[in-house]
């Protein structure tokens, strides 16, 4: 998964919010990657 989007989002919000956004994005990204990987097999 690309973390570029998370970084861009984090740059547009406050430092406190960026931590929440990063955690949220990582969990969504992880689910998306797992789903995509399971579909490929």
C-alpha atoms as a PDB file:
ATOM      1  CA  UNK A   1       0.000   0.000   0.000  1.00  0.00           C
ATOM      2  CA  UNK A   2       1.140   3.524  -0.680  1.00  0.00           C
ATOM      3  CA  UNK A   3       1.653   5.777   2.325  1.00  0.00           C
ATOM      4  CA  UNK A   4       1.877   8.902   0.150  1.00  0.00           C
ATOM      5  CA  UNK A   5      -1.843   9.559   0.498  1.00  0.00           C
ATOM      6  CA  UNK A   6      -1.654   9.273   4.282  1.00  0.00           C
ATOM      7  CA  UNK A   7       1.244  11.719   4.341  1.00  0.00           C
ATOM      8  CA  UNK A   8      -0.640  14.212   2.169  1.00  0.00           C
ATOM      9  CA  UNK A   9      -3.706  13.949   4.407  1.00  0.00           C
ATOM     10  CA  UNK A  10      -1.565  14.296   7.536  1.00  0.00           C
ATOM     11  CA  UNK A  11      -0.004  17.478   6.151  1.00  0.00           C
ATOM     12  CA  UNK A  12      -3.410  19.128   5.742  1.00  0.00           C
ATOM     13  CA  UNK A  13      -4.568  18.539   9.330  1.00  0.00           C
ATOM     14  CA  UNK A  14      -3.192  19.419  12.749  1.00  0.00           C
ATOM     15  CA  UNK A  15      -0.513  17.203  14.386  1.00  0.00           C
ATOM     16  CA  UNK A  16      -3.081  15.783  16.812  1.00  0.00           C
ATOM     17  CA  UNK A  17      -5.479  14.923  14.000  1.00  0.00           C
ATOM     18  CA  UNK A  18      -2.737  13.528  11.775  1.00  0.00           C
ATOM     19  CA  UNK A  19      -2.076  10.713  14.250  1.00  0.00           C
ATOM     20  CA  UNK A  20      -5.756   9.741  14.144  1.00  0.00           C
ATOM     21  CA  UNK A  21      -5.836  10.023  10.359  1.00  0.00           C
ATOM     22  CA  UNK A  22      -2.691   7.906  10.013  1.00  0.00           C
ATOM     23  CA  UNK A  23      -4.100   5.148  12.247  1.00  0.00           C
ATOM     24  CA  UNK A  24      -7.407   5.248  10.391  1.00  0.00           C
ATOM     25  CA  UNK A  25      -5.746   5.220   6.972  1.00  0.00           C
ATOM     26  CA  UNK A  26      -3.402   2.381   7.912  1.00  0.00           C
ATOM     27  CA  UNK A  27      -6.268   0.188   9.128  1.00  0.00           C
ATOM     28  CA  UNK A  28      -8.312   0.890   5.980  1.00  0.00           C
ATOM     29  CA  UNK A  29      -5.263   0.365   3.763  1.00  0.00           C
ATOM     30  CA  UNK A  30      -4.424  -2.885   5.540  1.00  0.00           C
ATOM     31  CA  UNK A  31      -7.960  -4.224   5.075  1.00  0.00           C
ATOM     32  CA  UNK A  32      -7.907  -3.179   1.416  1.00  0.00           C
ATOM     33  CA  UNK A  33      -4.534  -4.863   0.822  1.00  0.00           C
ATOM     34  CA  UNK A  34      -5.621  -8.064   2.555  1.00  0.00           C
ATOM     35  CA  UNK A  35      -8.829  -8.141   0.531  1.00  0.00           C
ATOM     36  CA  UNK A  36      -6.965  -7.506  -2.720  1.00  0.00           C
ATOM     37  CA  UNK A  37      -4.380 -10.183  -1.907  1.00  0.00           C
ATOM     38  CA  UNK A  38      -7.078 -12.746  -1.106  1.00  0.00           C
ATOM     39  CA  UNK A  39      -8.825 -12.005  -4.419  1.00  0.00           C
ATOM     40  CA  UNK A  40      -5.618 -12.573  -6.395  1.00  0.00           C
ATOM     41  CA  UNK A  41      -5.110 -16.080  -4.998  1.00  0.00           C
END
